[in-house]
Protein backbone atom coordinates (compact mmCIF):
# COMPACT_ATOMS: atom_id res chain seq x y z
CA MET A 1 127.53 106.52 105.65
CA THR A 2 126.48 109.61 107.53
CA GLY A 3 126.95 112.22 104.89
CA GLN A 4 126.78 112.32 101.24
CA PRO A 5 127.75 114.55 98.33
CA SER A 6 125.73 117.75 97.95
CA ASN A 7 125.59 118.17 93.98
CA PRO A 8 129.33 117.28 93.61
CA GLY A 9 129.39 118.30 89.89
CA ASN A 10 130.42 116.97 86.61
CA GLU A 11 133.37 117.35 84.27
CA GLY A 12 132.35 120.80 82.98
CA PRO A 13 129.43 123.10 82.44
CA ALA A 14 126.36 121.64 80.70
CA GLY A 15 126.93 121.93 76.92
CA SER A 16 130.49 123.05 77.42
CA ASP A 17 133.31 121.94 75.17
CA ARG A 18 135.66 122.63 78.08
CA PRO A 19 137.77 119.39 78.65
CA PRO A 20 138.08 117.97 82.22
CA ALA A 21 140.85 119.48 84.26
CA SER A 22 144.03 117.51 84.97
CA PRO A 23 143.40 115.28 88.00
CA THR A 24 146.83 115.02 89.50
CA PRO A 25 147.82 118.63 90.41
CA ARG A 26 144.61 119.40 92.15
CA LEU A 27 144.59 116.46 94.66
CA ARG A 28 146.65 115.82 97.74
CA ASP A 29 146.37 114.39 101.34
CA ALA A 30 144.83 116.66 103.83
CA ARG A 31 147.22 118.50 106.05
CA PRO A 32 146.67 119.65 109.65
CA ALA A 33 146.40 123.21 108.42
CA ASP A 34 143.51 122.20 106.17
CA ALA A 35 141.14 120.92 109.02
CA GLU A 36 139.22 124.02 109.76
CA ARG A 37 138.44 124.53 105.92
CA ILE A 38 137.44 120.88 105.65
CA ARG A 39 135.10 121.38 108.71
CA GLU A 40 133.47 124.40 106.85
CA LEU A 41 132.95 122.27 103.71
CA GLN A 42 131.26 119.52 105.73
CA SER A 43 128.28 121.89 106.26
CA HIS A 44 127.27 121.42 102.63
CA LEU A 45 126.49 117.71 103.36
CA ARG A 46 122.91 116.60 103.77
CA GLN A 47 123.78 114.69 107.17
CA PRO A 48 127.33 115.52 108.13
CA ASN A 49 129.13 113.35 110.73
CA PRO A 50 131.60 115.55 112.60
CA ASP A 51 132.98 112.74 114.71
CA LEU A 52 133.75 110.60 111.65
CA LEU A 53 135.53 113.53 109.99
CA GLU A 54 137.60 114.17 113.05
CA TYR A 55 138.64 110.48 113.04
CA GLY A 56 139.50 110.73 109.37
CA LEU A 57 141.65 113.83 109.96
CA ALA A 58 143.33 112.04 112.91
CA VAL A 59 144.24 108.92 110.93
CA GLU A 60 145.17 111.04 107.80
CA SER A 61 142.78 109.43 105.49
CA VAL A 62 141.10 112.66 104.05
CA ARG A 63 142.02 113.64 100.54
CA VAL A 64 141.45 117.20 99.19
CA SER A 65 141.00 119.13 96.03
CA VAL A 66 142.64 122.53 95.99
CA ALA A 67 142.21 125.68 93.88
CA GLY A 68 144.65 128.52 93.47
CA ASP A 69 148.40 127.69 93.86
CA GLU A 70 148.08 124.45 91.95
CA ALA A 71 151.60 123.01 91.06
CA ALA A 72 151.94 122.10 87.41
CA SER A 73 155.12 120.18 88.13
CA GLY A 74 153.19 117.35 89.76
CA SER A 75 154.26 118.36 93.30
CA ALA A 76 151.62 118.61 96.02
CA PRO A 77 149.45 121.75 95.40
CA THR A 78 149.21 124.36 98.17
CA GLY A 79 146.07 126.30 97.26
CA ARG A 80 142.88 126.67 99.13
CA VAL A 81 141.01 123.50 99.91
CA VAL A 82 137.58 123.47 97.83
CA GLY A 83 136.65 119.78 98.29
CA TYR A 84 137.43 116.67 100.19
CA LEU A 85 136.74 112.97 100.26
CA LEU A 86 136.62 110.83 103.38
CA PRO A 87 137.17 107.17 102.77
CA VAL A 88 137.01 104.67 105.65
CA ASP A 89 138.02 101.00 105.81
CA ALA A 90 135.03 98.71 105.41
CA PRO A 91 134.98 96.70 108.76
CA GLY A 92 135.68 93.08 108.41
CA ARG A 93 135.98 92.96 104.63
CA PRO A 94 138.27 94.23 101.91
CA GLY A 95 137.51 97.51 100.31
CA VAL A 96 136.57 100.95 101.38
CA HIS A 97 133.50 102.88 102.24
CA LEU A 98 133.24 106.54 100.91
CA ALA A 99 131.74 108.31 103.87
CA GLU A 100 131.84 111.81 102.65
CA LEU A 101 132.54 113.63 99.41
CA VAL A 102 131.88 117.33 98.96
CA VAL A 103 132.98 120.15 96.72
CA SER A 104 132.29 123.90 97.56
CA PRO A 105 129.36 125.27 95.45
CA ALA A 106 131.82 127.79 93.84
CA HIS A 107 134.01 124.93 92.44
CA ARG A 108 131.39 122.46 91.19
CA ARG A 109 131.20 121.41 87.61
CA GLU A 110 134.96 121.42 87.41
CA GLY A 111 135.57 117.84 87.57
CA ARG A 112 136.81 118.00 91.23
CA ALA A 113 134.29 115.42 92.55
CA SER A 114 135.29 112.99 89.74
CA GLU A 115 138.90 113.46 90.45
CA LEU A 116 138.40 112.69 94.18
CA LEU A 117 136.21 109.68 93.33
CA ARG A 118 138.83 108.34 90.87
CA ARG A 119 141.44 108.63 93.55
CA VAL A 120 139.53 106.65 96.09
CA VAL A 121 138.76 103.99 93.42
CA ARG A 122 142.36 103.77 92.33
CA ASP A 123 143.62 103.43 95.92
CA ALA A 124 141.07 100.92 97.12
CA SER A 125 142.17 97.29 97.62
CA GLY A 126 138.71 95.97 97.00
CA PRO A 127 135.14 97.09 96.33
CA VAL A 128 134.10 100.73 97.03
CA THR A 129 130.78 101.35 98.59
CA LEU A 130 128.85 104.51 99.40
CA GLN A 131 125.36 105.68 100.11
CA ALA A 132 123.43 108.52 98.44
CA HIS A 133 120.11 110.13 98.82
CA PRO A 134 117.81 109.02 95.93
CA ASP A 135 116.97 112.69 95.25
CA ASN A 136 120.55 113.76 94.76
CA GLU A 137 120.60 113.52 91.01
CA ALA A 138 123.97 115.10 90.50
CA ALA A 139 125.68 112.57 92.83
CA LEU A 140 123.89 109.66 91.35
CA ALA A 141 124.93 110.79 87.83
CA LEU A 142 128.52 111.02 88.95
CA TYR A 143 128.43 107.54 90.51
CA ASP A 144 126.69 106.05 87.54
CA ALA A 145 129.42 107.53 85.06
CA ALA A 146 132.13 106.01 87.44
CA GLY A 147 130.50 102.56 87.07
CA PHE A 148 128.75 102.26 90.52
CA ALA A 149 125.60 100.19 90.77
CA VAL A 150 122.84 100.38 93.36
CA VAL A 151 122.88 97.30 95.46
CA ASP A 152 120.50 98.04 98.27
CA ARG A 153 118.19 100.66 99.76
CA ARG A 154 118.26 101.55 103.38
CA PRO A 155 114.90 102.94 104.75
CA ASP A 156 115.17 106.08 106.79
CA ALA A 157 118.99 106.25 106.64
CA TYR A 158 118.76 109.99 106.43
CA ASP A 159 116.71 112.36 108.43
CA ASP A 160 114.68 113.09 105.30
CA GLY A 161 114.43 109.58 103.83
CA ASP A 162 116.09 106.49 102.50
CA ALA A 163 119.61 105.96 101.22
CA LEU A 164 120.63 104.15 98.18
CA VAL A 165 123.66 101.89 98.62
CA LEU A 166 126.00 101.74 95.77
CA ARG A 167 129.04 99.62 94.96
CA LEU A 168 131.87 99.36 92.53
CA GLY A 169 133.96 96.30 92.13
């Protein structure tokens, strides 16, 4: 993975009694009109990979979280894209690799990263892998809560250090 979540957030503000938001109405497949906003969000990643994102957009594998005009009826929401997830097929083996997951700083701690993560896990036909920076405590807490386990450490995978490899399934 070339990018990784930058403080993706949790279900609600610390100490809050606010329940997690409903996952279905805020998620949808990315649309061509979303591409520029998704590229903007990519700037929040520690080490983005624009070429990989362009590939994901071209093959329509990017999933987004939207805010604003969220459809309560279950139809695809049309609001502003505030987060995205880029899964890629794991070459030569079943499963998927979560290449990028990011939520806009203004929309963190609303459960959006959790919703996106649940979507990729639900849709995967095998194990889900990802890599995260060991200092990204928010991302690691999210992955731990989702059941991921650290299976490897890749020295110097990021410009500023190692990467932890995590796996679910």
